[in-house]
Amino acid sequence: MRAGWQEKSIGDILTLEYGKPLPSSSRNANGKYAVYGANGIKDRSNSFYVEKPSIIVGRKGSAGEITLTEDKFWPLDVTYYVTFDDTKYDLQFLYHLLSQQELTKLAKGIKPGINRNEVYSKTVRVPPLSEQQRIVATLGEAFTRLAAAVANAEQNLKNARELREASTNAAIAGNLTQAWRASHSEIESASLRLDTALTQRRRDWEGTGSYKEPDAPIAAKPVELPSGWTLASPEQLSTHIVDCPHKTPKWTKSGELCLRTTNFRPGFLDLEFVRFVSQGTYDDRIMRLKPLPGDVVYSREGGILGIACLIPAGLKACLGQRMMLFRMDISIVLPEYFVGVLNSTLILSEVKHLVGGAASPHLNIRDIRRFPIPLPPIAEQREIVRRLDAISADTRRLEKLYERKLAELASIKRSLFQMAFSGALTSPSSLATQEAAE
């Protein structure tokens, strides 16, 4: 331990005081003072309860969340606020110190809450006040530079994603192949080919009962189509549509790969982190249909909603939760094109219309079967896919580059905190190095 540093419990450094309820009659959206809940500002008021800046620690709900307050404020009864001896401790230093304690892991109960005695029992190392202030100043300068680098990387990542999205939207509107279409006016219309395929499907029906016509597409808003295109539904374009088994698989350390929606990226599966199931579980989960390369998987529930991916060549996998699978009729639609449409703004707007503001969003399979799919002639689909593949290769490379950059910057921030609270950030050798650099 560095000279002058002391090992103390958090309870020796600060006190977590209980917040206080504030009636709605005392709240005012334009009030002078912030009203804090467990994870930040919840309202404003012209009354304050604490007259100098402090730190909020979430007590119930978002328990363990840390927030630095405004000068005067009101802490609600779901919070603790911090009091301490400011002749010994710096507010910003304590904020950084508490932020590194992972207090959210102390939360317990159905409505998560933390006991302040458990916070008090944590042991930390603390330098003298003057060094605390040097640490805060050094971190502030470093974090300012880091924030600029993060903002730049995030903007570049956003730009790459927007380029991919804009290209996909242009493709399914017919704009990407407008000149190509003008020079290929002799090709068979999509409408004729769709009618032929549906007629053949009707003739070939050998199932039980009478043949049921696939549902036609339904669109929340009119969809304009280029000449030679038609509007079709996923049910018209698919030979099979299956939902995932409605039970959570039992995971194993090795075995057969089971897809999760966390693997889903627009257009492709990210298999960097995967989970496995036993052979028996795999067999159970492919009883309805064994996924094959070229099939399309689609997330229809939860936080990762409305993303379509193509199963790549050579992949053997079963379906996890919250997803469904399409097997396309390749005589009328290319799976790669279908994936692009499902990931387009057109279908995402349909998704938003269908789920509204649901807290646990999910799509009904019947609604998905009737999505409006702009369908070009098969030859034009090939040209669209060729062009989108070229654009996607570039944008995916850029996305990976900026995602790695953001991960590196997050790692640097963690390292700075480790240095700060071990004393390395303000050690004589570190300060000399900083002065030389300046």
Protein backbone atom coordinates (compact mmCIF):
# COMPACT_ATOMS: atom_id res chain seq x y z
CA MET A 1 0.00 0.00 0.00
CA ARG A 2 1.27 3.47 -0.88
CA ALA A 3 2.55 5.66 1.96
CA GLY A 4 -0.24 7.78 3.39
CA TRP A 5 -3.01 5.48 2.14
CA GLN A 6 -5.26 3.77 4.68
CA GLU A 7 -7.49 0.73 4.51
CA LYS A 8 -10.94 1.54 5.81
CA SER A 9 -14.47 0.25 5.68
CA ILE A 10 -16.94 2.34 3.73
CA GLY A 11 -18.87 2.78 6.99
CA ASP A 12 -15.84 4.60 8.43
CA ILE A 13 -15.80 7.02 5.49
CA LEU A 14 -19.42 7.97 4.89
CA THR A 15 -23.01 7.57 6.05
CA LEU A 16 -25.93 6.51 3.89
CA GLU A 17 -28.91 8.61 4.98
CA TYR A 18 -32.50 7.69 4.11
CA GLY A 19 -34.31 9.76 1.50
CA LYS A 20 -37.75 11.18 2.16
CA PRO A 21 -41.11 10.96 0.33
CA LEU A 22 -42.20 14.02 -1.62
CA PRO A 23 -45.96 14.46 -2.25
CA SER A 24 -47.07 15.12 -5.80
CA SER A 25 -48.41 18.52 -4.70
CA SER A 26 -44.82 19.58 -4.00
CA ARG A 27 -43.51 18.51 -7.40
CA ASN A 28 -43.14 20.86 -10.33
CA ALA A 29 -41.69 19.93 -13.72
CA ASN A 30 -40.16 23.42 -13.90
CA GLY A 31 -38.96 23.45 -10.30
CA LYS A 32 -35.53 24.77 -9.31
CA TYR A 33 -34.32 21.57 -7.63
CA ALA A 34 -33.87 18.00 -8.84
CA VAL A 35 -35.87 15.17 -7.25
CA TYR A 36 -33.86 11.93 -7.30
CA GLY A 37 -35.11 8.39 -7.51
CA ALA A 38 -33.01 5.25 -7.29
CA ASN A 39 -31.44 5.69 -10.73
CA GLY A 40 -31.45 9.41 -11.41
CA ILE A 41 -33.65 12.49 -11.64
CA LYS A 42 -37.36 11.60 -11.50
CA ASP A 43 -38.92 15.05 -11.15
CA ARG A 44 -38.25 18.60 -10.02
CA SER A 45 -39.50 20.73 -7.13
CA ASN A 46 -39.22 24.18 -5.65
CA SER A 47 -38.35 22.50 -2.33
CA PHE A 48 -35.09 20.81 -1.42
CA TYR A 49 -34.21 18.39 1.38
CA VAL A 50 -30.39 18.43 1.15
CA GLU A 51 -28.62 21.74 0.68
CA LYS A 52 -25.29 20.69 -0.80
CA PRO A 53 -24.22 18.25 -3.52
CA SER A 54 -24.00 14.58 -2.62
CA ILE A 55 -24.23 11.09 -4.05
CA ILE A 56 -27.43 9.11 -4.47
CA VAL A 57 -27.33 5.34 -3.93
CA GLY A 58 -30.42 3.47 -5.10
CA ARG A 59 -32.05 1.77 -2.08
CA LYS A 60 -35.04 0.04 -3.69
CA GLY A 61 -35.86 -0.85 -7.27
CA SER A 62 -32.69 0.18 -9.11
CA ALA A 63 -30.81 -0.73 -5.96
CA GLY A 64 -27.10 0.07 -5.89
CA GLU A 65 -27.17 2.55 -8.78
CA ILE A 66 -24.92 5.57 -8.18
CA THR A 67 -25.77 9.16 -9.15
CA LEU A 68 -23.91 12.44 -8.51
CA THR A 69 -26.43 15.13 -7.55
CA GLU A 70 -26.99 18.79 -8.28
CA ASP A 71 -26.10 21.38 -5.61
CA LYS A 72 -29.43 21.28 -3.75
CA PHE A 73 -31.85 18.41 -4.22
CA TRP A 74 -34.55 16.14 -2.85
CA PRO A 75 -33.77 12.41 -2.39
CA LEU A 76 -36.90 10.23 -2.50
CA ASP A 77 -37.52 7.44 0.00
CA VAL A 78 -36.25 4.78 -2.45
CA THR A 79 -32.77 6.25 -2.10
CA TYR A 80 -29.88 6.76 0.26
CA TYR A 81 -27.89 9.97 0.05
CA VAL A 82 -24.28 10.26 1.23
CA THR A 83 -22.95 12.44 4.06
CA PHE A 84 -19.24 12.62 4.92
CA ASP A 85 -16.52 14.82 6.42
CA ASP A 86 -15.46 17.08 3.55
CA THR A 87 -12.27 18.04 5.39
CA LYS A 88 -11.10 14.45 4.82
CA TYR A 89 -12.82 13.31 1.66
CA ASP A 90 -13.49 14.69 -1.80
CA LEU A 91 -17.04 14.27 -3.18
CA GLN A 92 -15.92 13.34 -6.70
CA PHE A 93 -13.40 10.85 -5.30
CA LEU A 94 -16.11 9.17 -3.23
CA TYR A 95 -18.37 9.06 -6.29
CA HIS A 96 -15.68 7.25 -8.31
CA LEU A 97 -14.92 5.01 -5.33
CA LEU A 98 -18.55 3.95 -4.86
CA SER A 99 -18.97 3.46 -8.62
CA GLN A 100 -16.33 0.75 -8.49
CA GLN A 101 -17.94 -1.26 -5.66
CA GLU A 102 -20.58 -3.07 -7.80
CA LEU A 103 -23.27 -2.26 -5.24
CA THR A 104 -26.01 -3.54 -7.57
CA LYS A 105 -24.80 -7.06 -6.73
CA LEU A 106 -25.90 -6.51 -3.12
CA ALA A 107 -29.55 -6.13 -4.18
CA LYS A 108 -31.94 -8.76 -2.82
CA GLY A 109 -35.67 -9.48 -2.90
CA ILE A 110 -38.56 -9.41 -5.37
CA LYS A 111 -38.34 -5.62 -5.47
CA PRO A 112 -34.55 -5.45 -5.20
CA GLY A 113 -33.18 -3.56 -2.23
CA ILE A 114 -29.82 -3.14 -0.54
CA ASN A 115 -28.98 -3.03 3.17
CA ARG A 116 -26.64 -0.17 3.99
CA ASN A 117 -24.80 -2.28 6.55
CA GLU A 118 -23.60 -4.51 3.72
CA VAL A 119 -22.30 -1.43 1.95
CA TYR A 120 -20.60 -0.23 5.13
CA SER A 121 -18.77 -3.54 5.55
CA LYS A 122 -16.91 -3.22 2.24
CA THR A 123 -13.21 -2.42 2.63
CA VAL A 124 -11.46 0.16 0.46
CA ARG A 125 -8.12 1.97 0.29
CA VAL A 126 -8.18 5.76 0.67
CA PRO A 127 -5.38 8.34 0.22
CA PRO A 128 -5.11 11.75 1.92
CA LEU A 129 -7.45 14.50 0.69
CA SER A 130 -4.79 16.21 -1.43
CA GLU A 131 -4.11 13.00 -3.33
CA GLN A 132 -7.83 12.32 -3.70
CA GLN A 133 -8.10 15.68 -5.42
CA ARG A 134 -5.14 14.90 -7.71
CA ILE A 135 -6.78 11.59 -8.62
CA VAL A 136 -10.06 13.34 -9.44
CA ALA A 137 -8.27 15.93 -11.60
CA THR A 138 -6.23 13.28 -13.45
CA LEU A 139 -9.27 11.08 -14.05
CA GLY A 140 -11.26 14.11 -15.21
CA GLU A 141 -8.69 14.97 -17.88
CA ALA A 142 -8.38 11.36 -19.00
CA PHE A 143 -12.13 10.81 -19.08
CA THR A 144 -12.63 13.97 -21.15
CA ARG A 145 -10.26 12.59 -23.79
CA LEU A 146 -11.85 9.16 -23.55
CA ALA A 147 -15.35 10.62 -23.91
CA ALA A 148 -14.30 12.37 -27.13
CA ALA A 149 -12.82 9.13 -28.50
CA VAL A 150 -15.94 7.16 -27.50
CA ALA A 151 -18.24 9.73 -29.11
CA ASN A 152 -16.19 9.57 -32.31
CA ALA A 153 -16.26 5.75 -32.41
CA GLU A 154 -19.98 5.66 -31.63
CA GLN A 155 -20.70 8.13 -34.43
CA ASN A 156 -18.61 6.11 -36.89
CA LEU A 157 -20.41 2.94 -35.83
CA LYS A 158 -23.76 4.71 -36.25
CA ASN A 159 -22.72 5.90 -39.72
CA ALA A 160 -21.75 2.38 -40.79
CA ARG A 161 -25.07 0.96 -39.59
CA GLU A 162 -27.02 3.76 -41.24
CA LEU A 163 -25.24 3.10 -44.54
CA ARG A 164 -26.26 -0.56 -44.37
CA GLU A 165 -29.83 0.34 -43.44
CA ALA A 166 -30.09 3.00 -46.17
CA SER A 167 -28.80 0.56 -48.78
CA THR A 168 -31.31 -2.09 -47.71
CA ASN A 169 -34.16 0.41 -47.77
CA ALA A 170 -33.13 1.61 -51.22
CA ALA A 171 -32.98 -1.99 -52.43
CA ILE A 172 -36.48 -3.00 -51.36
CA ALA A 173 -37.92 0.23 -52.74
CA GLY A 174 -36.41 -0.62 -56.12
CA ASN A 175 -34.09 2.42 -56.15
CA LEU A 176 -30.86 0.42 -55.97
CA THR A 177 -31.63 -1.40 -59.24
CA GLN A 178 -33.62 1.26 -61.08
CA ALA A 179 -31.15 1.52 -64.00
CA TRP A 180 -30.69 -2.27 -64.07
CA ARG A 181 -34.46 -2.77 -64.28
CA ALA A 182 -34.76 -0.34 -67.20
CA SER A 183 -32.30 -2.41 -69.22
CA HIS A 184 -33.95 -5.77 -68.34
CA SER A 185 -37.59 -5.07 -69.16
CA GLU A 186 -38.01 -8.48 -70.81
CA ILE A 187 -37.77 -10.53 -67.59
CA GLU A 188 -40.79 -12.38 -66.18
CA SER A 189 -42.85 -10.35 -63.70
CA ALA A 190 -42.81 -11.35 -60.06
CA SER A 191 -46.61 -11.51 -60.02
CA LEU A 192 -46.70 -14.15 -62.78
CA ARG A 193 -44.04 -16.27 -61.13
CA LEU A 194 -45.78 -16.06 -57.74
CA ASP A 195 -49.12 -17.10 -59.27
CA THR A 196 -47.44 -20.04 -61.02
CA ALA A 197 -45.75 -21.20 -57.81
CA LEU A 198 -48.95 -20.95 -55.75
CA THR A 199 -50.91 -22.84 -58.42
CA GLN A 200 -48.32 -25.61 -58.42
CA ARG A 201 -48.34 -25.75 -54.64
CA ARG A 202 -52.12 -26.17 -54.70
CA ARG A 203 -51.86 -28.99 -57.26
CA ASP A 204 -49.16 -30.81 -55.30
CA TRP A 205 -51.07 -30.71 -51.99
CA GLU A 206 -51.15 -34.13 -50.31
CA GLY A 207 -51.88 -33.14 -46.73
CA THR A 208 -54.89 -34.06 -44.65
CA GLY A 209 -58.07 -32.04 -45.15
CA SER A 210 -58.66 -29.43 -47.80
CA TYR A 211 -55.90 -27.15 -49.06
CA LYS A 212 -55.72 -23.79 -47.27
CA GLU A 213 -54.63 -20.81 -49.30
CA PRO A 214 -51.72 -18.89 -47.73
CA ASP A 215 -52.62 -15.57 -46.14
CA ALA A 216 -52.18 -12.51 -48.35
CA PRO A 217 -50.00 -9.62 -47.15
CA ILE A 218 -51.41 -6.89 -44.92
CA ALA A 219 -49.68 -3.50 -44.68
CA ALA A 220 -50.30 -0.75 -42.14
CA LYS A 221 -49.57 1.79 -44.89
CA PRO A 222 -49.73 1.52 -48.72
CA VAL A 223 -46.54 0.15 -50.28
CA GLU A 224 -45.44 1.61 -53.62
CA LEU A 225 -43.90 -0.96 -55.97
CA PRO A 226 -41.78 -0.60 -59.12
CA SER A 227 -42.98 -2.04 -62.41
CA GLY A 228 -42.74 -5.83 -62.50
CA TRP A 229 -42.83 -6.19 -58.69
CA THR A 230 -45.66 -7.50 -56.56
CA LEU A 231 -46.53 -7.62 -52.86
CA ALA A 232 -46.39 -11.04 -51.20
CA SER A 233 -46.60 -12.46 -47.69
CA PRO A 234 -44.01 -14.65 -45.94
CA GLU A 235 -46.60 -17.44 -45.95
CA GLN A 236 -46.89 -17.22 -49.74
CA LEU A 237 -43.10 -17.20 -50.10
CA SER A 238 -42.29 -20.06 -47.71
CA THR A 239 -42.55 -23.82 -47.95
CA HIS A 240 -42.28 -24.09 -44.13
CA ILE A 241 -42.76 -21.70 -41.20
CA VAL A 242 -42.07 -23.10 -37.73
CA ASP A 243 -41.94 -21.57 -34.28
CA CYS A 244 -39.31 -22.50 -31.70
CA PRO A 245 -40.10 -24.97 -28.90
CA HIS A 246 -41.69 -23.11 -26.00
CA LYS A 247 -39.36 -24.26 -23.26
CA THR A 248 -35.90 -23.19 -22.23
CA PRO A 249 -33.27 -25.73 -23.30
CA LYS A 250 -31.00 -27.38 -20.75
CA TRP A 251 -27.54 -26.07 -21.51
CA THR A 252 -24.42 -28.24 -21.62
CA LYS A 253 -20.70 -27.42 -21.80
CA SER A 254 -20.43 -29.03 -25.21
CA GLY A 255 -22.61 -30.85 -27.72
CA GLU A 256 -24.86 -29.43 -30.42
CA LEU A 257 -25.11 -25.69 -31.00
CA CYS A 258 -28.38 -24.03 -29.98
CA LEU A 259 -29.11 -20.58 -31.37
CA ARG A 260 -30.01 -17.68 -29.08
CA THR A 261 -31.36 -14.29 -30.06
CA THR A 262 -28.13 -12.78 -28.66
CA ASN A 263 -26.46 -14.35 -31.71
CA PHE A 264 -28.73 -12.37 -34.05
CA ARG A 265 -27.34 -9.50 -36.09
CA PRO A 266 -29.19 -7.93 -39.05
CA GLY A 267 -28.54 -10.40 -41.87
CA PHE A 268 -26.15 -12.81 -40.16
CA LEU A 269 -25.50 -14.88 -37.06
CA ASP A 270 -22.68 -13.78 -34.75
CA LEU A 271 -21.32 -17.06 -33.39
CA GLU A 272 -18.45 -15.68 -31.32
CA PHE A 273 -20.25 -16.69 -28.12
CA VAL A 274 -22.45 -19.78 -28.39
CA ARG A 275 -24.25 -22.26 -26.12
CA PHE A 276 -24.70 -25.99 -26.49
CA VAL A 277 -27.29 -28.67 -25.74
CA SER A 278 -27.12 -32.45 -25.55
CA GLN A 279 -27.87 -34.64 -28.56
CA GLY A 280 -31.20 -35.61 -27.00
CA THR A 281 -32.23 -31.99 -26.50
CA TYR A 282 -31.13 -31.18 -30.04
CA ASP A 283 -33.23 -34.03 -31.43
CA ASP A 284 -36.28 -32.81 -29.48
CA ARG A 285 -35.86 -29.25 -30.73
CA ILE A 286 -35.63 -30.21 -34.41
CA MET A 287 -38.72 -32.45 -34.40
CA ARG A 288 -40.82 -29.83 -36.18
CA LEU A 289 -38.12 -29.02 -38.72
CA LYS A 290 -34.35 -29.40 -38.81
CA PRO A 291 -32.76 -26.02 -39.59
CA LEU A 292 -30.67 -26.09 -42.76
CA PRO A 293 -28.24 -23.67 -44.41
CA GLY A 294 -30.26 -21.08 -46.33
CA ASP A 295 -33.12 -21.08 -43.83
CA VAL A 296 -34.07 -17.75 -42.28
CA VAL A 297 -34.38 -17.30 -38.52
CA TYR A 298 -36.29 -14.38 -37.04
CA SER A 299 -36.48 -13.01 -33.49
CA ARG A 300 -40.08 -12.37 -32.46
CA GLU A 301 -39.96 -11.68 -28.71
CA GLY A 302 -38.07 -9.71 -26.09
CA GLY A 303 -35.41 -7.04 -26.32
CA ILE A 304 -33.88 -8.40 -29.53
CA LEU A 305 -37.03 -8.18 -31.59
CA GLY A 306 -37.50 -8.13 -35.35
CA ILE A 307 -34.04 -9.24 -36.53
CA ALA A 308 -33.67 -11.73 -39.39
CA CYS A 309 -30.57 -13.83 -40.05
CA LEU A 310 -29.51 -16.39 -42.63
CA ILE A 311 -28.26 -19.80 -41.46
CA PRO A 312 -24.85 -20.09 -43.14
CA ALA A 313 -23.40 -23.05 -45.01
CA GLY A 314 -21.96 -25.74 -42.76
CA LEU A 315 -23.86 -24.73 -39.61
CA LYS A 316 -25.69 -27.43 -37.65
CA ALA A 317 -27.91 -25.89 -34.99
CA CYS A 318 -31.32 -26.03 -33.35
CA LEU A 319 -33.62 -23.19 -32.35
CA GLY A 320 -33.48 -21.67 -28.90
CA GLN A 321 -36.20 -19.43 -27.45
CA ARG A 322 -38.04 -16.39 -28.88
CA MET A 323 -37.44 -17.15 -32.55
CA MET A 324 -38.97 -18.76 -35.60
CA LEU A 325 -37.74 -20.21 -38.87
CA PHE A 326 -38.69 -19.76 -42.52
CA ARG A 327 -37.77 -22.12 -45.35
CA MET A 328 -38.20 -20.19 -48.57
CA ASP A 329 -39.62 -21.31 -51.89
CA ILE A 330 -36.45 -20.49 -53.85
CA SER A 331 -38.33 -20.57 -57.16
CA ILE A 332 -39.87 -17.20 -56.21
CA VAL A 333 -37.66 -15.63 -53.54
CA LEU A 334 -33.99 -15.74 -52.57
CA PRO A 335 -33.46 -16.25 -48.81
CA GLU A 336 -30.81 -13.49 -48.82
CA TYR A 337 -33.30 -11.03 -50.30
CA PHE A 338 -36.03 -12.08 -47.85
CA VAL A 339 -33.65 -11.46 -44.93
CA GLY A 340 -32.95 -7.97 -46.24
CA VAL A 341 -36.66 -7.14 -46.41
CA LEU A 342 -37.32 -8.38 -42.86
CA ASN A 343 -34.49 -6.14 -41.61
CA SER A 344 -35.68 -3.09 -43.55
CA THR A 345 -37.40 0.02 -42.21
CA LEU A 346 -40.60 -1.09 -43.97
CA ILE A 347 -40.96 -4.23 -41.85
CA LEU A 348 -39.54 -2.64 -38.70
CA SER A 349 -42.27 -0.01 -38.94
CA GLU A 350 -44.82 -2.84 -39.20
CA VAL A 351 -43.27 -4.39 -36.09
CA LYS A 352 -43.55 -1.11 -34.15
CA HIS A 353 -47.16 -0.75 -35.27
CA LEU A 354 -47.99 -4.28 -34.08
CA VAL A 355 -46.24 -4.27 -30.70
CA GLY A 356 -46.90 -0.62 -29.81
CA GLY A 357 -45.34 0.29 -26.48
CA ALA A 358 -45.65 -3.16 -24.89
CA ALA A 359 -43.39 -3.70 -21.87
CA SER A 360 -42.68 -7.27 -23.02
CA PRO A 361 -42.87 -6.93 -26.81
CA HIS A 362 -43.67 -9.97 -28.94
CA LEU A 363 -45.05 -10.63 -32.40
CA ASN A 364 -47.83 -13.08 -33.15
CA ILE A 365 -46.92 -15.64 -35.79
CA ARG A 366 -50.12 -14.93 -37.71
CA ASP A 367 -49.09 -11.27 -38.03
CA ILE A 368 -45.61 -12.23 -39.19
CA ARG A 369 -47.05 -14.59 -41.81
CA ARG A 370 -48.86 -11.58 -43.33
CA PHE A 371 -45.98 -9.07 -43.42
CA PRO A 372 -45.95 -7.06 -46.70
CA ILE A 373 -42.90 -8.24 -48.69
CA PRO A 374 -42.05 -6.22 -51.84
CA LEU A 375 -41.16 -8.95 -54.34
CA PRO A 376 -39.08 -8.23 -57.46
CA PRO A 377 -38.55 -10.72 -60.27
CA ILE A 378 -36.06 -13.42 -59.26
CA ALA A 379 -33.39 -12.07 -61.64
CA GLU A 380 -33.63 -8.63 -60.06
CA GLN A 381 -33.42 -10.20 -56.61
CA ARG A 382 -30.08 -11.73 -57.61
CA GLU A 383 -28.80 -8.32 -58.66
CA ILE A 384 -30.05 -6.73 -55.43
CA VAL A 385 -28.38 -9.43 -53.32
CA ARG A 386 -25.12 -9.06 -55.27
CA ARG A 387 -25.03 -5.32 -54.62
CA LEU A 388 -26.10 -5.57 -50.97
CA ASP A 389 -23.48 -8.27 -50.31
CA ALA A 390 -20.74 -5.91 -51.48
CA ILE A 391 -22.03 -3.06 -49.32
CA SER A 392 -22.62 -5.38 -46.34
CA ALA A 393 -19.06 -6.70 -46.44
CA ASP A 394 -17.71 -3.15 -46.10
CA THR A 395 -20.16 -2.02 -43.43
CA ARG A 396 -19.74 -5.21 -41.38
CA ARG A 397 -15.96 -4.71 -41.42
CA LEU A 398 -16.41 -1.13 -40.24
CA GLU A 399 -18.91 -2.13 -37.54
CA LYS A 400 -16.50 -4.75 -36.18
CA LEU A 401 -13.68 -2.18 -36.23
CA TYR A 402 -15.62 0.41 -34.23
CA GLU A 403 -17.11 -2.17 -31.86
CA ARG A 404 -13.54 -3.30 -31.05
CA LYS A 405 -12.50 0.32 -30.61
CA LEU A 406 -15.32 0.91 -28.10
CA ALA A 407 -14.36 -2.26 -26.21
CA GLU A 408 -10.74 -1.06 -26.06
CA LEU A 409 -11.79 2.35 -24.74
CA ALA A 410 -13.96 0.69 -22.06
CA SER A 411 -10.94 -1.43 -21.08
CA ILE A 412 -8.77 1.70 -20.81
CA LYS A 413 -11.36 3.31 -18.52
CA ARG A 414 -11.39 0.23 -16.27
CA SER A 415 -7.58 0.29 -16.17
CA LEU A 416 -7.58 3.95 -15.15
CA PHE A 417 -9.89 3.19 -12.26
CA GLN A 418 -7.68 0.29 -11.15
CA MET A 419 -4.63 2.56 -11.26
CA ALA A 420 -6.47 5.33 -9.41
CA PHE A 421 -7.52 3.16 -6.46
CA SER A 422 -4.22 1.32 -6.20
CA GLY A 423 -2.25 4.58 -6.04
CA ALA A 424 -0.46 3.96 -9.35
CA LEU A 425 -2.18 6.87 -11.12
CA THR A 426 -0.67 9.47 -8.78
CA SER A 427 2.58 7.72 -7.86
CA PRO A 428 5.73 9.89 -8.19
CA SER A 429 6.84 7.98 -11.29
CA SER A 430 3.40 8.29 -12.92
CA LEU A 431 3.20 12.03 -12.19
CA ALA A 432 6.72 12.55 -13.57
CA THR A 433 5.74 10.73 -16.75
CA GLN A 434 2.61 12.87 -17.12
CA GLU A 435 4.61 16.11 -16.56
CA ALA A 436 7.18 15.04 -19.18
CA ALA A 437 4.39 14.28 -21.65
CA GLU A 438 2.82 17.68 -21.05
